[in-house]
Amino acid sequence: MQLTKRQEMILDIVKKEGPITGEQIAERLNLTRATLRPDMAILTMSGMLEARPRVGYFYSGKKPGRILAEKLHQITVGDVKSVPVAVSEQCTIYDAVVTMFIEDVGTLFVVREGGFLEGLLSRKDLLKITLGGQDIHKLPVGVVMTRMPNIIYTEPEESVWEAARKIITHEVDALPVVRVVHQADGTPELEVTGRLSKTNITRLFVELGEGDL
């Protein structure tokens, strides 16, 4: 986060004299409180300054990097997930390639009736099979997809930071966002409710950088 010269001056004043009121800060800078209001809002919302009623502003001691890290731990997957793109296990390799192209995604989720996760298809999976010389118009995706329990997934309540770490650690483009549903016999099933991709995370960083979150 890039601070303006005036915001840096405000931080310096609060570090040295805090807790201090907005009126006192304005006096130190020979400005009106109305003029300072946007700067105070930015510094407070960013977490660098904290404010207490009838006490004033004081320096939190948090660095911008630490503030960003805390923000990423607070934002959940459910806040930034996108719509999943899914196919059935009987879908042909050819149709899966077309779906991936039309939807402009790098990962397809394979689900059965009810939206329950059965498998996952990556660009690499489809590229390997299409270069293998087989009839992709007849071959179902079930023969090449990654199956459970070898699929890395995330849940809506998980932090974006933790989900991003999974993407990096396992070197995948996207994670299915799932909800655990227990069947009548108690068997847990994973219902696909969304997708978290590298694009979702990149968009989040852009919005954080622009101050939209």
Foldseek 3Di string as FASTA:
>chain_A
DDDDPLLVVLLVCQAVDPPDALCVSCVVVVHDSVVCVVSVVVCCVLPQWDADPPGHIHGPPDDSVRSVVVVQQVAFCLNQFAAAAEDEQQAFLVVVVVSCVVVVDQKYFYADPPQWGFFIDGPVQSVVVVVPPDDRNRHGCNVRTGGPPVADAAERGGGNVVVVVVCVVVVDFKHFYWDWDADPVRDTTTHGGGMDGPVSVVVVVVCVVVVVD
